[in-house]
Amino acid sequence: LLGRDDIMVIAGGVIPAQDYEFLYNAGVVGVFGPGTCIPEAAVKILQILIECLKSE
């Protein structure tokens, strides 16, 4: 995002489903809407972070 590969951006809240693709294309690595199970979201974020760290 903004040329910064060292910053992982996560989006959450009331975000229309049609905006998800735009966000992902802009560099957002995870989008979590209302009702997201917090432990599941945390696991997914950790998995993404681990993958990012492996590629360094």
PDB file of N, CA and C in Angstrom:
ATOM      1  N   LEU A   1       0.844  -1.177   0.000  1.00  0.00           N
ATOM      2  CA  LEU A   1       0.000   0.000   0.000  1.00  0.00           C
ATOM      3  C   LEU A   1       0.882   1.231   0.000  1.00  0.00           C
ATOM      4  N   LEU A   2       0.627   2.138  -0.892  1.00  0.00           N
ATOM      5  CA  LEU A   2       1.411   3.368  -1.020  1.00  0.00           C
ATOM      6  C   LEU A   2       2.901   3.084  -1.160  1.00  0.00           C
ATOM      7  N   GLY A   3       3.228   1.956  -1.801  1.00  0.00           N
ATOM      8  CA  GLY A   3       4.623   1.612  -2.009  1.00  0.00           C
ATOM      9  C   GLY A   3       5.335   1.091  -0.779  1.00  0.00           C
ATOM     10  N   ARG A   4       4.595   0.777   0.269  1.00  0.00           N
ATOM     11  CA  ARG A   4       5.191   0.307   1.525  1.00  0.00           C
ATOM     12  C   ARG A   4       4.854  -1.162   1.718  1.00  0.00           C
ATOM     13  N   ASP A   5       5.755  -2.028   1.335  1.00  0.00           N
ATOM     14  CA  ASP A   5       5.540  -3.461   1.501  1.00  0.00           C
ATOM     15  C   ASP A   5       5.703  -3.909   2.946  1.00  0.00           C
ATOM     16  N   ASP A   6       6.216  -3.026   3.806  1.00  0.00           N
ATOM     17  CA  ASP A   6       6.452  -3.389   5.199  1.00  0.00           C
ATOM     18  C   ASP A   6       5.273  -3.057   6.105  1.00  0.00           C
ATOM     19  N   ILE A   7       4.177  -2.576   5.517  1.00  0.00           N
ATOM     20  CA  ILE A   7       2.987  -2.239   6.300  1.00  0.00           C
ATOM     21  C   ILE A   7       1.839  -3.129   5.848  1.00  0.00           C
ATOM     22  N   MET A   8       1.262  -3.876   6.788  1.00  0.00           N
ATOM     23  CA  MET A   8       0.133  -4.749   6.493  1.00  0.00           C
ATOM     24  C   MET A   8      -1.144  -4.011   6.887  1.00  0.00           C
ATOM     25  N   VAL A   9      -2.056  -3.837   5.921  1.00  0.00           N
ATOM     26  CA  VAL A   9      -3.293  -3.105   6.180  1.00  0.00           C
ATOM     27  C   VAL A   9      -4.456  -4.086   6.264  1.00  0.00           C
ATOM     28  N   ILE A  10      -5.214  -3.970   7.347  1.00  0.00           N
ATOM     29  CA  ILE A  10      -6.413  -4.772   7.582  1.00  0.00           C
ATOM     30  C   ILE A  10      -7.583  -3.800   7.644  1.00  0.00           C
ATOM     31  N   ALA A  11      -8.706  -4.156   7.019  1.00  0.00           N
ATOM     32  CA  ALA A  11      -9.894  -3.304   7.058  1.00  0.00           C
ATOM     33  C   ALA A  11     -11.013  -4.042   7.780  1.00  0.00           C
ATOM     34  N   GLY A  12     -11.802  -3.295   8.510  1.00  0.00           N
ATOM     35  CA  GLY A  12     -12.917  -3.902   9.218  1.00  0.00           C
ATOM     36  C   GLY A  12     -14.040  -2.917   9.415  1.00  0.00           C
ATOM     37  N   GLY A  13     -15.212  -3.465   9.648  1.00  0.00           N
ATOM     38  CA  GLY A  13     -16.374  -2.618   9.875  1.00  0.00           C
ATOM     39  C   GLY A  13     -17.425  -2.864   8.816  1.00  0.00           C
ATOM     40  N   VAL A  14     -18.304  -1.909   8.671  1.00  0.00           N
ATOM     41  CA  VAL A  14     -19.391  -2.020   7.697  1.00  0.00           C
ATOM     42  C   VAL A  14     -18.852  -1.546   6.350  1.00  0.00           C
ATOM     43  N   ILE A  15     -18.379  -2.498   5.569  1.00  0.00           N
ATOM     44  CA  ILE A  15     -17.812  -2.218   4.252  1.00  0.00           C
ATOM     45  C   ILE A  15     -18.643  -2.996   3.238  1.00  0.00           C
ATOM     46  N   PRO A  16     -19.226  -2.309   2.255  1.00  0.00           N
ATOM     47  CA  PRO A  16     -20.031  -3.007   1.259  1.00  0.00           C
ATOM     48  C   PRO A  16     -19.211  -4.076   0.535  1.00  0.00           C
ATOM     49  N   ALA A  17     -19.828  -5.223   0.307  1.00  0.00           N
ATOM     50  CA  ALA A  17     -19.142  -6.348  -0.338  1.00  0.00           C
ATOM     51  C   ALA A  17     -18.551  -5.950  -1.686  1.00  0.00           C
ATOM     52  N   GLN A  18     -19.212  -5.052  -2.402  1.00  0.00           N
ATOM     53  CA  GLN A  18     -18.705  -4.648  -3.713  1.00  0.00           C
ATOM     54  C   GLN A  18     -17.416  -3.831  -3.612  1.00  0.00           C
ATOM     55  N   ASP A  19     -17.063  -3.378  -2.431  1.00  0.00           N
ATOM     56  CA  ASP A  19     -15.819  -2.621  -2.242  1.00  0.00           C
ATOM     57  C   ASP A  19     -14.626  -3.509  -1.888  1.00  0.00           C
ATOM     58  N   TYR A  20     -14.874  -4.765  -1.566  1.00  0.00           N
ATOM     59  CA  TYR A  20     -13.789  -5.658  -1.143  1.00  0.00           C
ATOM     60  C   TYR A  20     -12.712  -5.778  -2.223  1.00  0.00           C
ATOM     61  N   GLU A  21     -13.125  -5.998  -3.471  1.00  0.00           N
ATOM     62  CA  GLU A  21     -12.156  -6.171  -4.558  1.00  0.00           C
ATOM     63  C   GLU A  21     -11.275  -4.929  -4.697  1.00  0.00           C
ATOM     64  N   PHE A  22     -11.881  -3.753  -4.622  1.00  0.00           N
ATOM     65  CA  PHE A  22     -11.111  -2.507  -4.686  1.00  0.00           C
ATOM     66  C   PHE A  22     -10.079  -2.460  -3.568  1.00  0.00           C
ATOM     67  N   LEU A  23     -10.500  -2.809  -2.360  1.00  0.00           N
ATOM     68  CA  LEU A  23      -9.590  -2.777  -1.216  1.00  0.00           C
ATOM     69  C   LEU A  23      -8.432  -3.757  -1.398  1.00  0.00           C
ATOM     70  N   TYR A  24      -8.745  -4.980  -1.827  1.00  0.00           N
ATOM     71  CA  TYR A  24      -7.687  -5.967  -2.054  1.00  0.00           C
ATOM     72  C   TYR A  24      -6.725  -5.495  -3.144  1.00  0.00           C
ATOM     73  N   ASN A  25      -7.269  -4.930  -4.217  1.00  0.00           N
ATOM     74  CA  ASN A  25      -6.418  -4.423  -5.297  1.00  0.00           C
ATOM     75  C   ASN A  25      -5.555  -3.254  -4.839  1.00  0.00           C
ATOM     76  N   ALA A  26      -6.012  -2.523  -3.837  1.00  0.00           N
ATOM     77  CA  ALA A  26      -5.264  -1.386  -3.298  1.00  0.00           C
ATOM     78  C   ALA A  26      -4.193  -1.828  -2.308  1.00  0.00           C
ATOM     79  N   GLY A  27      -4.190  -3.121  -1.956  1.00  0.00           N
ATOM     80  CA  GLY A  27      -3.153  -3.624  -1.069  1.00  0.00           C
ATOM     81  C   GLY A  27      -3.611  -4.074   0.301  1.00  0.00           C
ATOM     82  N   VAL A  28      -4.904  -3.966   0.583  1.00  0.00           N
ATOM     83  CA  VAL A  28      -5.425  -4.450   1.861  1.00  0.00           C
ATOM     84  C   VAL A  28      -5.303  -5.972   1.872  1.00  0.00           C
ATOM     85  N   VAL A  29      -4.817  -6.542   2.967  1.00  0.00           N
ATOM     86  CA  VAL A  29      -4.597  -7.990   3.018  1.00  0.00           C
ATOM     87  C   VAL A  29      -5.730  -8.756   3.684  1.00  0.00           C
ATOM     88  N   GLY A  30      -6.640  -8.059   4.336  1.00  0.00           N
ATOM     89  CA  GLY A  30      -7.764  -8.719   4.983  1.00  0.00           C
ATOM     90  C   GLY A  30      -8.905  -7.750   5.200  1.00  0.00           C
ATOM     91  N   VAL A  31     -10.118  -8.223   4.942  1.00  0.00           N
ATOM     92  CA  VAL A  31     -11.317  -7.414   5.167  1.00  0.00           C
ATOM     93  C   VAL A  31     -12.247  -8.222   6.058  1.00  0.00           C
ATOM     94  N   PHE A  32     -12.645  -7.625   7.163  1.00  0.00           N
ATOM     95  CA  PHE A  32     -13.494  -8.307   8.131  1.00  0.00           C
ATOM     96  C   PHE A  32     -14.712  -7.445   8.419  1.00  0.00           C
ATOM     97  N   GLY A  33     -15.883  -7.998   8.143  1.00  0.00           N
ATOM     98  CA  GLY A  33     -17.121  -7.263   8.343  1.00  0.00           C
ATOM     99  C   GLY A  33     -17.749  -7.534   9.696  1.00  0.00           C
ATOM    100  N   PRO A  34     -18.910  -6.930   9.913  1.00  0.00           N
ATOM    101  CA  PRO A  34     -19.629  -7.134  11.170  1.00  0.00           C
ATOM    102  C   PRO A  34     -19.933  -8.621  11.379  1.00  0.00           C
ATOM    103  N   GLY A  35     -19.841  -9.052  12.599  1.00  0.00           N
ATOM    104  CA  GLY A  35     -20.134 -10.441  12.914  1.00  0.00           C
ATOM    105  C   GLY A  35     -18.949 -11.370  12.729  1.00  0.00           C
ATOM    106  N   THR A  36     -17.821 -10.824  12.313  1.00  0.00           N
ATOM    107  CA  THR A  36     -16.624 -11.647  12.157  1.00  0.00           C
ATOM    108  C   THR A  36     -16.246 -12.247  13.503  1.00  0.00           C
ATOM    109  N   CYS A  37     -15.964 -13.524  13.503  1.00  0.00           N
ATOM    110  CA  CYS A  37     -15.508 -14.205  14.714  1.00  0.00           C
ATOM    111  C   CYS A  37     -14.078 -13.732  15.001  1.00  0.00           C
ATOM    112  N   ILE A  38     -13.894 -13.055  16.121  1.00  0.00           N
ATOM    113  CA  ILE A  38     -12.601 -12.446  16.444  1.00  0.00           C
ATOM    114  C   ILE A  38     -11.459 -13.471  16.459  1.00  0.00           C
ATOM    115  N   PRO A  39     -11.619 -14.622  17.121  1.00  0.00           N
ATOM    116  CA  PRO A  39     -10.517 -15.599  17.105  1.00  0.00           C
ATOM    117  C   PRO A  39     -10.165 -16.076  15.689  1.00  0.00           C
ATOM    118  N   GLU A  40     -11.168 -16.273  14.831  1.00  0.00           N
ATOM    119  CA  GLU A  40     -10.901 -16.702  13.456  1.00  0.00           C
ATOM    120  C   GLU A  40     -10.177 -15.604  12.686  1.00  0.00           C
ATOM    121  N   ALA A  41     -10.581 -14.350  12.893  1.00  0.00           N
ATOM    122  CA  ALA A  41      -9.916 -13.231  12.232  1.00  0.00           C
ATOM    123  C   ALA A  41      -8.472 -13.126  12.703  1.00  0.00           C
ATOM    124  N   ALA A  42      -8.249 -13.319  13.990  1.00  0.00           N
ATOM    125  CA  ALA A  42      -6.895 -13.246  14.542  1.00  0.00           C
ATOM    126  C   ALA A  42      -6.003 -14.317  13.930  1.00  0.00           C
ATOM    127  N   VAL A  43      -6.530 -15.526  13.790  1.00  0.00           N
ATOM    128  CA  VAL A  43      -5.760 -16.617  13.189  1.00  0.00           C
ATOM    129  C   VAL A  43      -5.427 -16.275  11.741  1.00  0.00           C
ATOM    130  N   LYS A  44      -6.407 -15.765  10.999  1.00  0.00           N
ATOM    131  CA  LYS A  44      -6.164 -15.419   9.595  1.00  0.00           C
ATOM    132  C   LYS A  44      -5.101 -14.327   9.485  1.00  0.00           C
ATOM    133  N   ILE A  45      -5.173 -13.316  10.338  1.00  0.00           N
ATOM    134  CA  ILE A  45      -4.186 -12.233  10.313  1.00  0.00           C
ATOM    135  C   ILE A  45      -2.797 -12.776  10.631  1.00  0.00           C
ATOM    136  N   LEU A  46      -2.709 -13.654  11.616  1.00  0.00           N
ATOM    137  CA  LEU A  46      -1.415 -14.254  11.952  1.00  0.00           C
ATOM    138  C   LEU A  46      -0.869 -15.082  10.790  1.00  0.00           C
ATOM    139  N   GLN A  47      -1.739 -15.813  10.098  1.00  0.00           N
ATOM    140  CA  GLN A  47      -1.304 -16.603   8.947  1.00  0.00           C
ATOM    141  C   GLN A  47      -0.756 -15.694   7.847  1.00  0.00           C
ATOM    142  N   ILE A  48      -1.445 -14.591   7.590  1.00  0.00           N
ATOM    143  CA  ILE A  48      -0.989 -13.639   6.576  1.00  0.00           C
ATOM    144  C   ILE A  48       0.356 -13.050   6.983  1.00  0.00           C
ATOM    145  N   LEU A  49       0.485 -12.681   8.248  1.00  0.00           N
ATOM    146  CA  LEU A  49       1.731 -12.107   8.748  1.00  0.00           C
ATOM    147  C   LEU A  49       2.889 -13.098   8.619  1.00  0.00           C
ATOM    148  N   ILE A  50       2.641 -14.349   8.972  1.00  0.00           N
ATOM    149  CA  ILE A  50       3.676 -15.381   8.861  1.00  0.00           C
ATOM    150  C   ILE A  50       4.124 -15.530   7.410  1.00  0.00           C
ATOM    151  N   GLU A  51       3.175 -15.546   6.472  1.00  0.00           N
ATOM    152  CA  GLU A  51       3.522 -15.659   5.051  1.00  0.00           C
ATOM    153  C   GLU A  51       4.343 -14.459   4.596  1.00  0.00           C
ATOM    154  N   CYS A  52       3.983 -13.274   5.053  1.00  0.00           N
ATOM    155  CA  CYS A  52       4.739 -12.064   4.698  1.00  0.00           C
ATOM    156  C   CYS A  52       6.160 -12.150   5.232  1.00  0.00           C
ATOM    157  N   LEU A  53       6.310 -12.627   6.448  1.00  0.00           N
ATOM    158  CA  LEU A  53       7.636 -12.723   7.056  1.00  0.00           C
ATOM    159  C   LEU A  53       8.499 -13.786   6.378  1.00  0.00           C
ATOM    160  N   LYS A  54       7.869 -14.867   5.898  1.00  0.00           N
ATOM    161  CA  LYS A  54       8.608 -15.922   5.200  1.00  0.00           C
ATOM    162  C   LYS A  54       9.219 -15.406   3.904  1.00  0.00           C
ATOM    163  N   SER A  55       8.526 -14.486   3.246  1.00  0.00           N
ATOM    164  CA  SER A  55       8.989 -14.000   1.945  1.00  0.00           C
ATOM    165  C   SER A  55      10.041 -12.899   2.062  1.00  0.00           C
ATOM    166  N   GLU A  56      10.416 -12.536   3.282  1.00  0.00           N
ATOM    167  CA  GLU A  56      11.451 -11.502   3.459  1.00  0.00           C
ATOM    168  C   GLU A  56      12.827 -12.099   3.355  1.00  0.00           C
TER     169      GLU A  56
END
